[in-house]
């Protein structure tokens, strides 16, 4: 599906493949989805799909990349700030309040394909924030800081299927405020 010219151009083949793979991986799981399934969903031959992505794990890596990029941007922003007592809360709230539908969809995907995402780099990036804010010798402090940055994830995982993004963000914000009060 080539990109159409003009202001109403449709998705590129790559974007269409990623959208189809996200849906299929979320619905069927990573192991339950084949390259042939993804190709069929997009209307490509399997050979054409391999032209765009050399393997299924490359598709999964491409789907995970925006999440890693978001975390890297948050780490960079946080490190550029003047250190002050409220910086942890401010950084965690920035993370929660910047959550959008893409992050929620990514979490749903991650839940569906969790073992396949092991080692994707997002956990390492999140650990950088934990290292920046937590006492390295205190495992309780490290877990509490990790929970602040996972507030959105926790709220999304606890949400009912019909809970909307605004409800999930409001709940995650409440969690961060409650955990950093006092």
N, C-alpha and C. Protein backbone atom coordinates (compact mmCIF):
# COMPACT_ATOMS: atom_id res chain seq x y z
N UNK A 1 0.85 -1.15 0.00
CA UNK A 1 0.00 0.00 0.00
C UNK A 1 0.90 1.23 0.00
N UNK A 2 1.26 1.76 -1.15
CA UNK A 2 2.14 2.92 -1.21
C UNK A 2 1.45 4.17 -0.68
N UNK A 3 2.24 5.12 -0.25
CA UNK A 3 1.70 6.36 0.27
C UNK A 3 1.15 7.18 -0.89
N UNK A 4 -0.08 7.67 -0.71
CA UNK A 4 -0.71 8.49 -1.73
C UNK A 4 -0.23 9.93 -1.57
N UNK A 5 -0.04 10.64 -2.67
CA UNK A 5 0.36 12.03 -2.57
C UNK A 5 -0.81 12.91 -2.12
N UNK A 6 -0.49 14.07 -1.61
CA UNK A 6 -1.51 15.04 -1.27
C UNK A 6 -1.80 15.12 0.21
N UNK A 7 -2.66 16.07 0.59
CA UNK A 7 -2.92 16.31 2.02
C UNK A 7 -3.67 15.19 2.70
N UNK A 8 -4.39 14.36 1.97
CA UNK A 8 -5.14 13.26 2.57
C UNK A 8 -4.44 11.92 2.34
N UNK A 9 -3.13 11.97 2.26
CA UNK A 9 -2.36 10.76 1.98
C UNK A 9 -2.64 9.71 3.04
N UNK A 10 -2.74 8.47 2.61
CA UNK A 10 -2.97 7.36 3.52
C UNK A 10 -1.68 6.91 4.18
N UNK A 11 -1.78 5.89 4.98
CA UNK A 11 -0.59 5.42 5.69
C UNK A 11 0.40 4.76 4.73
N UNK A 12 1.65 4.84 5.11
CA UNK A 12 2.66 4.12 4.34
C UNK A 12 2.50 2.64 4.63
N UNK A 13 3.12 1.83 3.83
CA UNK A 13 3.06 0.38 4.04
C UNK A 13 3.58 0.05 5.44
N UNK A 14 4.69 0.67 5.81
CA UNK A 14 5.26 0.42 7.13
C UNK A 14 4.26 0.74 8.23
N UNK A 15 3.62 1.89 8.15
CA UNK A 15 2.63 2.28 9.16
C UNK A 15 1.45 1.30 9.19
N UNK A 16 1.02 0.87 8.01
CA UNK A 16 -0.09 -0.08 7.93
C UNK A 16 0.30 -1.42 8.55
N UNK A 17 1.52 -1.86 8.29
CA UNK A 17 2.01 -3.12 8.88
C UNK A 17 2.06 -2.99 10.39
N UNK A 18 2.58 -1.89 10.89
CA UNK A 18 2.68 -1.71 12.34
C UNK A 18 1.30 -1.66 12.99
N UNK A 19 0.36 -0.98 12.36
CA UNK A 19 -1.00 -0.92 12.91
C UNK A 19 -1.64 -2.31 12.93
N UNK A 20 -1.47 -3.05 11.85
CA UNK A 20 -2.04 -4.40 11.79
C UNK A 20 -1.37 -5.31 12.81
N UNK A 21 -0.06 -5.23 12.91
CA UNK A 21 0.67 -6.07 13.87
C UNK A 21 0.25 -5.75 15.30
N UNK A 22 0.09 -4.47 15.60
CA UNK A 22 -0.34 -4.08 16.96
C UNK A 22 -1.69 -4.72 17.27
N UNK A 23 -2.62 -4.63 16.34
CA UNK A 23 -3.95 -5.23 16.56
C UNK A 23 -3.84 -6.74 16.73
N UNK A 24 -3.11 -7.39 15.83
CA UNK A 24 -3.02 -8.86 15.88
C UNK A 24 -2.26 -9.33 17.12
N UNK A 25 -1.15 -8.69 17.44
CA UNK A 25 -0.39 -9.09 18.63
C UNK A 25 -1.24 -8.90 19.89
N UNK A 26 -2.01 -7.80 19.95
CA UNK A 26 -2.84 -7.53 21.12
C UNK A 26 -3.97 -8.55 21.22
N UNK A 27 -4.58 -8.88 20.08
CA UNK A 27 -5.71 -9.82 20.09
C UNK A 27 -5.29 -11.28 20.23
N UNK A 28 -4.23 -11.67 19.54
CA UNK A 28 -3.83 -13.08 19.48
C UNK A 28 -2.56 -13.40 20.26
N UNK A 29 -1.84 -12.37 20.67
CA UNK A 29 -0.54 -12.58 21.29
C UNK A 29 0.55 -12.65 20.23
N UNK A 30 1.77 -12.48 20.67
CA UNK A 30 2.91 -12.49 19.75
C UNK A 30 3.08 -13.87 19.12
N UNK A 31 3.07 -14.90 19.95
CA UNK A 31 3.26 -16.26 19.43
C UNK A 31 2.09 -16.73 18.58
N UNK A 32 0.91 -16.16 18.78
CA UNK A 32 -0.26 -16.56 18.03
C UNK A 32 -0.43 -15.81 16.71
N UNK A 33 0.52 -14.96 16.39
CA UNK A 33 0.47 -14.18 15.16
C UNK A 33 1.68 -14.50 14.31
N UNK A 34 1.44 -14.81 13.05
CA UNK A 34 2.54 -15.11 12.14
C UNK A 34 2.77 -13.94 11.19
N UNK A 35 3.91 -13.97 10.53
CA UNK A 35 4.19 -12.98 9.49
C UNK A 35 3.13 -13.08 8.39
N UNK A 36 2.70 -14.27 8.10
CA UNK A 36 1.65 -14.49 7.08
C UNK A 36 0.35 -13.80 7.51
N UNK A 37 0.01 -13.90 8.82
CA UNK A 37 -1.21 -13.24 9.33
C UNK A 37 -1.12 -11.73 9.14
N UNK A 38 0.03 -11.17 9.47
CA UNK A 38 0.22 -9.72 9.35
C UNK A 38 0.12 -9.30 7.88
N UNK A 39 0.79 -10.04 7.02
CA UNK A 39 0.76 -9.73 5.58
C UNK A 39 -0.67 -9.76 5.06
N UNK A 40 -1.43 -10.79 5.45
CA UNK A 40 -2.81 -10.91 4.98
C UNK A 40 -3.67 -9.75 5.47
N UNK A 41 -3.45 -9.36 6.71
CA UNK A 41 -4.22 -8.25 7.29
C UNK A 41 -4.01 -6.96 6.51
N UNK A 42 -2.81 -6.76 6.00
CA UNK A 42 -2.46 -5.52 5.27
C UNK A 42 -2.71 -5.66 3.77
N UNK A 43 -2.87 -6.89 3.30
CA UNK A 43 -3.06 -7.10 1.88
C UNK A 43 -1.76 -7.19 1.11
N UNK A 44 -0.72 -7.71 1.78
CA UNK A 44 0.59 -7.89 1.15
C UNK A 44 0.88 -9.38 1.01
N UNK A 45 1.82 -9.68 0.15
CA UNK A 45 2.35 -11.04 0.15
C UNK A 45 3.33 -11.13 1.31
N UNK A 46 3.59 -12.33 1.75
CA UNK A 46 4.56 -12.51 2.83
C UNK A 46 5.93 -12.00 2.40
N UNK A 47 6.30 -12.22 1.14
CA UNK A 47 7.59 -11.73 0.63
C UNK A 47 7.66 -10.21 0.70
N UNK A 48 6.56 -9.54 0.37
CA UNK A 48 6.55 -8.07 0.44
C UNK A 48 6.70 -7.59 1.88
N UNK A 49 6.08 -8.32 2.81
CA UNK A 49 6.22 -7.95 4.22
C UNK A 49 7.68 -8.08 4.67
N UNK A 50 8.34 -9.15 4.24
CA UNK A 50 9.75 -9.34 4.61
C UNK A 50 10.64 -8.26 4.00
N UNK A 51 10.21 -7.63 2.93
CA UNK A 51 10.96 -6.51 2.36
C UNK A 51 11.00 -5.35 3.35
N UNK A 52 9.89 -5.15 4.08
CA UNK A 52 9.79 -4.04 5.04
C UNK A 52 10.33 -4.39 6.42
N UNK A 53 10.19 -5.63 6.83
CA UNK A 53 10.64 -6.09 8.14
C UNK A 53 11.27 -7.47 7.99
N UNK A 54 12.52 -7.65 8.41
CA UNK A 54 13.20 -8.91 8.19
C UNK A 54 12.66 -10.06 9.05
N UNK A 55 11.95 -9.73 10.13
CA UNK A 55 11.45 -10.76 11.03
C UNK A 55 10.35 -10.17 11.91
N UNK A 56 9.60 -11.05 12.54
CA UNK A 56 8.51 -10.61 13.42
C UNK A 56 9.04 -9.80 14.60
N UNK A 57 10.20 -10.18 15.12
CA UNK A 57 10.74 -9.43 16.26
C UNK A 57 11.13 -8.00 15.85
N UNK A 58 11.44 -7.78 14.58
CA UNK A 58 11.73 -6.42 14.11
C UNK A 58 10.46 -5.57 14.12
N UNK A 59 9.33 -6.18 13.84
CA UNK A 59 8.05 -5.46 13.92
C UNK A 59 7.77 -5.09 15.37
N UNK A 60 7.96 -6.05 16.27
CA UNK A 60 7.73 -5.79 17.69
C UNK A 60 8.67 -4.70 18.19
N UNK A 61 9.92 -4.73 17.78
CA UNK A 61 10.87 -3.69 18.19
C UNK A 61 10.42 -2.32 17.67
N UNK A 62 9.92 -2.26 16.46
CA UNK A 62 9.44 -0.99 15.90
C UNK A 62 8.22 -0.49 16.66
N UNK A 63 7.37 -1.40 17.12
CA UNK A 63 6.21 -1.01 17.91
C UNK A 63 6.62 -0.48 19.29
N UNK A 64 7.67 -1.04 19.86
CA UNK A 64 8.13 -0.63 21.19
C UNK A 64 8.96 0.65 21.17
N UNK A 65 9.53 1.00 20.03
CA UNK A 65 10.45 2.14 19.95
C UNK A 65 9.86 3.46 20.44
N UNK A 66 8.63 3.81 20.08
CA UNK A 66 8.10 5.09 20.58
C UNK A 66 8.05 5.17 22.10
N UNK A 67 7.75 4.06 22.76
CA UNK A 67 7.73 4.04 24.24
C UNK A 67 9.13 4.28 24.79
N UNK A 68 10.11 3.62 24.20
CA UNK A 68 11.50 3.85 24.64
C UNK A 68 11.89 5.31 24.41
N UNK A 69 11.48 5.87 23.28
CA UNK A 69 11.81 7.27 22.98
C UNK A 69 11.17 8.22 24.00
N UNK A 70 9.92 7.92 24.40
CA UNK A 70 9.25 8.75 25.41
C UNK A 70 10.01 8.72 26.74
N UNK A 71 10.41 7.54 27.15
CA UNK A 71 11.15 7.42 28.42
C UNK A 71 12.49 8.13 28.32
N UNK A 72 13.20 7.96 27.20
CA UNK A 72 14.48 8.64 27.02
C UNK A 72 14.31 10.15 27.08
N UNK A 73 13.23 10.67 26.50
CA UNK A 73 12.97 12.12 26.53
C UNK A 73 12.69 12.59 27.96
N UNK A 74 11.96 11.78 28.72
CA UNK A 74 11.67 12.14 30.11
C UNK A 74 12.96 12.13 30.94
N UNK A 75 13.80 11.14 30.74
CA UNK A 75 15.09 11.10 31.45
C UNK A 75 15.90 12.34 31.12
N UNK A 76 15.97 12.70 29.85
CA UNK A 76 16.74 13.88 29.44
C UNK A 76 16.16 15.15 30.05
N UNK A 77 14.83 15.27 30.03
CA UNK A 77 14.20 16.45 30.62
C UNK A 77 14.51 16.54 32.11
N UNK A 78 14.34 15.42 32.81
CA UNK A 78 14.56 15.39 34.25
C UNK A 78 15.99 15.78 34.60
N UNK A 79 16.93 15.24 33.86
CA UNK A 79 18.35 15.53 34.14
C UNK A 79 18.72 16.98 33.82
N UNK A 80 17.93 17.63 32.97
CA UNK A 80 18.21 19.03 32.62
C UNK A 80 17.64 20.01 33.65
N UNK A 81 16.83 19.50 34.59
CA UNK A 81 16.20 20.37 35.58
C UNK A 81 17.15 20.61 36.76
N UNK A 82 16.97 21.76 37.38
CA UNK A 82 17.67 22.06 38.64
C UNK A 82 17.10 21.11 39.69
N UNK A 83 17.97 20.44 40.44
CA UNK A 83 17.51 19.51 41.47
C UNK A 83 16.82 20.28 42.59
N UNK A 84 15.63 19.83 42.97
CA UNK A 84 14.89 20.43 44.08
C UNK A 84 14.01 19.36 44.71
N UNK A 85 13.51 19.59 45.92
CA UNK A 85 12.76 18.55 46.63
C UNK A 85 11.54 18.01 45.88
N UNK A 86 10.91 18.79 45.05
CA UNK A 86 9.71 18.35 44.36
C UNK A 86 9.96 17.77 42.97
N UNK A 87 11.23 17.60 42.60
CA UNK A 87 11.53 17.16 41.24
C UNK A 87 11.01 15.75 40.94
N UNK A 88 11.10 14.86 41.89
CA UNK A 88 10.59 13.50 41.66
C UNK A 88 9.09 13.55 41.35
N UNK A 89 8.33 14.25 42.17
CA UNK A 89 6.89 14.38 41.95
C UNK A 89 6.62 15.04 40.60
N UNK A 90 7.32 16.11 40.31
CA UNK A 90 7.14 16.84 39.05
C UNK A 90 7.42 15.94 37.84
N UNK A 91 8.48 15.16 37.94
CA UNK A 91 8.85 14.27 36.83
C UNK A 91 7.82 13.17 36.66
N UNK A 92 7.37 12.57 37.77
CA UNK A 92 6.37 11.50 37.69
C UNK A 92 5.04 12.05 37.14
N UNK A 93 4.64 13.24 37.58
CA UNK A 93 3.41 13.83 37.06
C UNK A 93 3.55 14.17 35.58
N UNK A 94 4.71 14.64 35.18
CA UNK A 94 4.95 14.93 33.76
C UNK A 94 4.74 13.66 32.93
N UNK A 95 5.24 12.55 33.43
CA UNK A 95 5.11 11.26 32.74
C UNK A 95 3.63 10.86 32.64
N UNK A 96 2.92 10.94 33.76
CA UNK A 96 1.51 10.55 33.79
C UNK A 96 0.68 11.46 32.89
N UNK A 97 0.88 12.77 33.01
CA UNK A 97 0.03 13.71 32.29
C UNK A 97 0.34 13.77 30.80
N UNK A 98 1.47 13.23 30.39
CA UNK A 98 1.79 13.19 28.96
C UNK A 98 1.26 11.93 28.28
N UNK A 99 0.62 11.08 29.06
CA UNK A 99 0.13 9.81 28.51
C UNK A 99 -1.00 10.08 27.51
N UNK A 100 -0.93 9.37 26.41
CA UNK A 100 -1.96 9.48 25.39
C UNK A 100 -2.44 8.10 24.99
N UNK A 101 -3.31 8.09 24.01
CA UNK A 101 -3.89 6.83 23.54
C UNK A 101 -2.81 5.88 23.03
N UNK A 102 -1.76 6.43 22.40
CA UNK A 102 -0.67 5.56 21.91
C UNK A 102 -0.01 4.81 23.06
N UNK A 103 0.23 5.50 24.19
CA UNK A 103 0.85 4.82 25.32
C UNK A 103 -0.09 3.75 25.88
N UNK A 104 -1.36 4.08 25.97
CA UNK A 104 -2.33 3.10 26.47
C UNK A 104 -2.38 1.89 25.54
N UNK A 105 -2.42 2.14 24.23
CA UNK A 105 -2.41 1.02 23.28
C UNK A 105 -1.12 0.21 23.41
N UNK A 106 -0.01 0.90 23.63
CA UNK A 106 1.27 0.22 23.81
C UNK A 106 1.28 -0.66 25.05
N UNK A 107 0.66 -0.20 26.12
CA UNK A 107 0.57 -1.00 27.33
C UNK A 107 -0.29 -2.24 27.12
N UNK A 108 -1.37 -2.05 26.40
CA UNK A 108 -2.21 -3.21 26.09
C UNK A 108 -1.45 -4.22 25.25
N UNK A 109 -0.67 -3.71 24.30
CA UNK A 109 0.17 -4.58 23.49
C UNK A 109 1.20 -5.28 24.37
N UNK A 110 1.85 -4.52 25.25
CA UNK A 110 2.88 -5.10 26.12
C UNK A 110 2.30 -6.20 26.99
N UNK A 111 1.09 -5.99 27.48
CA UNK A 111 0.46 -7.02 28.31
C UNK A 111 0.22 -8.29 27.49
N UNK A 112 -0.16 -8.12 26.24
CA UNK A 112 -0.45 -9.27 25.38
C UNK A 112 0.81 -10.03 24.97
N UNK A 113 1.93 -9.33 24.85
CA UNK A 113 3.15 -9.96 24.32
C UNK A 113 4.30 -9.92 25.31
N UNK A 114 4.02 -9.75 26.58
CA UNK A 114 5.05 -9.50 27.59
C UNK A 114 6.34 -10.30 27.44
N UNK A 115 6.32 -11.63 27.34
CA UNK A 115 7.59 -12.35 27.22
C UNK A 115 8.39 -11.97 25.99
N UNK A 116 7.71 -11.65 24.91
CA UNK A 116 8.41 -11.29 23.67
C UNK A 116 9.09 -9.93 23.76
N UNK A 117 8.66 -9.09 24.71
CA UNK A 117 9.25 -7.76 24.85
C UNK A 117 10.44 -7.74 25.81
N UNK A 118 10.76 -8.83 26.42
CA UNK A 118 11.88 -8.86 27.37
C UNK A 118 13.13 -8.31 26.71
N UNK A 119 13.78 -7.39 27.39
CA UNK A 119 15.02 -6.83 26.87
C UNK A 119 14.83 -5.79 25.79
N UNK A 120 13.64 -5.18 25.68
CA UNK A 120 13.41 -4.21 24.61
C UNK A 120 14.05 -2.85 24.88
N UNK A 121 14.56 -2.62 26.07
CA UNK A 121 15.23 -1.37 26.37
C UNK A 121 14.41 -0.41 27.21
N UNK A 122 13.09 -0.55 27.22
CA UNK A 122 12.26 0.37 28.00
C UNK A 122 12.53 0.22 29.49
N UNK A 123 12.69 -1.01 29.97
CA UNK A 123 12.97 -1.22 31.38
C UNK A 123 14.30 -0.59 31.76
N UNK A 124 15.29 -0.69 30.90
CA UNK A 124 16.59 -0.07 31.17
C UNK A 124 16.45 1.44 31.25
N UNK A 125 15.68 2.02 30.36
CA UNK A 125 15.47 3.47 30.38
C UNK A 125 14.75 3.89 31.66
N UNK A 126 13.75 3.13 32.08
CA UNK A 126 13.04 3.43 33.31
C UNK A 126 13.98 3.30 34.51
N UNK A 127 14.87 2.35 34.47
CA UNK A 127 15.84 2.18 35.55
C UNK A 127 16.73 3.41 35.69
N UNK A 128 16.99 4.11 34.60
CA UNK A 128 17.77 5.35 34.67
C UNK A 128 17.07 6.37 35.56
N UNK A 129 15.74 6.46 35.46
CA UNK A 129 15.01 7.38 36.33
C UNK A 129 15.07 6.92 37.78
N UNK A 130 14.93 5.63 37.99
CA UNK A 130 15.03 5.10 39.35
C UNK A 130 16.42 5.41 39.92
N UNK A 131 17.45 5.21 39.13
CA UNK A 131 18.82 5.51 39.58
C UNK A 131 18.98 6.99 39.92
N UNK A 132 18.32 7.86 39.15
CA UNK A 132 18.44 9.30 39.38
C UNK A 132 17.76 9.74 40.68
N UNK A 133 16.67 9.06 41.07
CA UNK A 133 15.87 9.55 42.20
C UNK A 133 15.94 8.69 43.46
N UNK A 134 16.34 7.44 43.36
CA UNK A 134 16.28 6.55 44.52
C UNK A 134 17.66 6.29 45.10
N UNK A 135 17.66 5.98 46.37
CA UNK A 135 18.88 5.58 47.06
C UNK A 135 19.29 4.21 46.53
N UNK A 136 20.48 4.11 45.94
CA UNK A 136 20.89 2.83 45.34
C UNK A 136 20.99 1.68 46.33
N UNK A 137 21.17 1.99 47.61
CA UNK A 137 21.32 0.95 48.62
C UNK A 137 20.00 0.58 49.29
N UNK A 138 18.91 1.22 48.89
CA UNK A 138 17.63 0.99 49.56
C UNK A 138 16.61 0.40 48.58
N UNK A 139 16.41 -0.92 48.63
CA UNK A 139 15.50 -1.57 47.67
C UNK A 139 14.05 -1.08 47.80
N UNK A 140 13.63 -0.71 49.00
CA UNK A 140 12.27 -0.19 49.18
C UNK A 140 12.13 1.15 48.47
N UNK A 141 13.10 2.03 48.65
CA UNK A 141 13.08 3.32 47.97
C UNK A 141 13.07 3.14 46.46
N UNK A 142 13.88 2.22 45.98
CA UNK A 142 13.95 1.97 44.52
C UNK A 142 12.60 1.49 43.98
N UNK A 143 11.95 0.59 44.71
CA UNK A 143 10.65 0.09 44.28
C UNK A 143 9.59 1.20 44.34
N UNK A 144 9.63 2.02 45.38
CA UNK A 144 8.66 3.11 45.48
C UNK A 144 8.82 4.10 44.32
N UNK A 145 10.04 4.43 43.96
CA UNK A 145 10.26 5.34 42.83
C UNK A 145 9.79 4.68 41.54
N UNK A 146 10.10 3.41 41.37
CA UNK A 146 9.64 2.70 40.16
C UNK A 146 8.11 2.74 40.08
N UNK A 147 7.43 2.54 41.22
CA UNK A 147 5.97 2.59 41.22
C UNK A 147 5.44 3.95 40.79
N UNK A 148 6.13 5.03 41.16
CA UNK A 148 5.69 6.36 40.71
C UNK A 148 5.65 6.43 39.19
N UNK A 149 6.70 5.90 38.56
CA UNK A 149 6.76 5.97 37.10
C UNK A 149 5.93 4.89 36.43
N UNK A 150 5.45 3.94 37.21
CA UNK A 150 4.56 2.91 36.68
C UNK A 150 3.11 3.17 37.07
N UNK A 151 2.82 4.35 37.64
CA UNK A 151 1.44 4.65 38.05
C UNK A 151 0.48 4.55 36.87
N UNK A 152 0.88 5.07 35.72
CA UNK A 152 0.00 4.98 34.55
C UNK A 152 -0.21 3.52 34.16
N UNK A 153 0.87 2.74 34.18
CA UNK A 153 0.77 1.32 33.84
C UNK A 153 -0.18 0.62 34.81
N UNK A 154 -0.01 0.88 36.11
CA UNK A 154 -0.87 0.25 37.11
C UNK A 154 -2.33 0.62 36.89
N UNK A 155 -2.60 1.88 36.66
CA UNK A 155 -3.98 2.32 36.43
C UNK A 155 -4.54 1.70 35.16
N UNK A 156 -3.73 1.62 34.12
CA UNK A 156 -4.20 1.04 32.85
C UNK A 156 -4.50 -0.44 33.01
N UNK A 157 -3.65 -1.14 33.76
CA UNK A 157 -3.86 -2.58 33.95
C UNK A 157 -5.06 -2.86 34.85
N UNK A 158 -5.34 -1.95 35.79
CA UNK A 158 -6.47 -2.14 36.70
C UNK A 158 -7.79 -1.66 36.10
N UNK A 159 -7.70 -0.90 35.03
CA UNK A 159 -8.90 -0.29 34.43
C UNK A 159 -9.82 -1.35 33.83
N UNK A 160 -11.09 -1.03 33.87
CA UNK A 160 -12.08 -1.85 33.17
C UNK A 160 -11.92 -1.60 31.67
N UNK A 161 -12.31 -2.54 30.84
CA UNK A 161 -12.14 -2.36 29.39
C UNK A 161 -12.80 -1.10 28.84
N UNK A 162 -13.85 -0.61 29.49
CA UNK A 162 -14.53 0.58 28.97
C UNK A 162 -14.06 1.88 29.64
N UNK A 163 -13.09 1.82 30.54
CA UNK A 163 -12.53 3.04 31.13
C UNK A 163 -11.76 3.79 30.06
N UNK A 164 -11.99 5.09 29.96
CA UNK A 164 -11.33 5.86 28.92
C UNK A 164 -9.98 6.40 29.41
N UNK A 165 -9.23 6.97 28.48
CA UNK A 165 -7.90 7.48 28.77
C UNK A 165 -7.93 8.52 29.88
N UNK A 166 -8.89 9.43 29.87
CA UNK A 166 -8.96 10.49 30.89
C UNK A 166 -9.12 9.88 32.28
N UNK A 167 -9.90 8.84 32.42
CA UNK A 167 -10.09 8.17 33.72
C UNK A 167 -8.79 7.53 34.18
N UNK A 168 -8.09 6.91 33.26
CA UNK A 168 -6.83 6.24 33.61
C UNK A 168 -5.77 7.26 34.01
N UNK A 169 -5.65 8.37 33.26
CA UNK A 169 -4.68 9.41 33.60
C UNK A 169 -5.03 10.05 34.94
N UNK A 170 -6.30 10.34 35.19
CA UNK A 170 -6.70 10.94 36.46
C UNK A 170 -6.36 10.02 37.63
N UNK A 171 -6.57 8.74 37.45
CA UNK A 171 -6.26 7.77 38.51
C UNK A 171 -4.76 7.69 38.74
N UNK A 172 -3.98 7.66 37.67
CA UNK A 172 -2.52 7.61 37.81
C UNK A 172 -2.01 8.89 38.47
N UNK A 173 -2.57 10.02 38.11
CA UNK A 173 -2.17 11.30 38.72
C UNK A 173 -2.46 11.26 40.23
N UNK A 174 -3.63 10.76 40.60
CA UNK A 174 -3.99 10.63 42.00
C UNK A 174 -2.97 9.75 42.73
N UNK A 175 -2.57 8.64 42.09
CA UNK A 175 -1.59 7.75 42.70
C UNK A 175 -0.26 8.46 42.96
N UNK A 176 0.22 9.21 41.99
CA UNK A 176 1.48 9.94 42.15
C UNK A 176 1.36 10.96 43.27
N UNK A 177 0.29 11.71 43.29
CA UNK A 177 0.11 12.72 44.34
C UNK A 177 0.02 12.07 45.72
N UNK A 178 -0.69 10.97 45.82
CA UNK A 178 -0.81 10.28 47.11
C UNK A 178 0.54 9.72 47.57
N UNK A 179 1.29 9.18 46.63
CA UNK A 179 2.57 8.57 47.00
C UNK A 179 3.65 9.59 47.32
N UNK A 180 3.49 10.83 46.86
CA UNK A 180 4.51 11.85 47.10
C UNK A 180 4.06 12.89 48.11
N UNK A 181 2.89 12.72 48.71
CA UNK A 181 2.38 13.67 49.70
C UNK A 181 3.22 13.58 50.97
N UNK A 182 3.32 14.70 51.61
CA UNK A 182 3.92 14.69 52.92
C UNK A 182 5.31 15.05 52.96
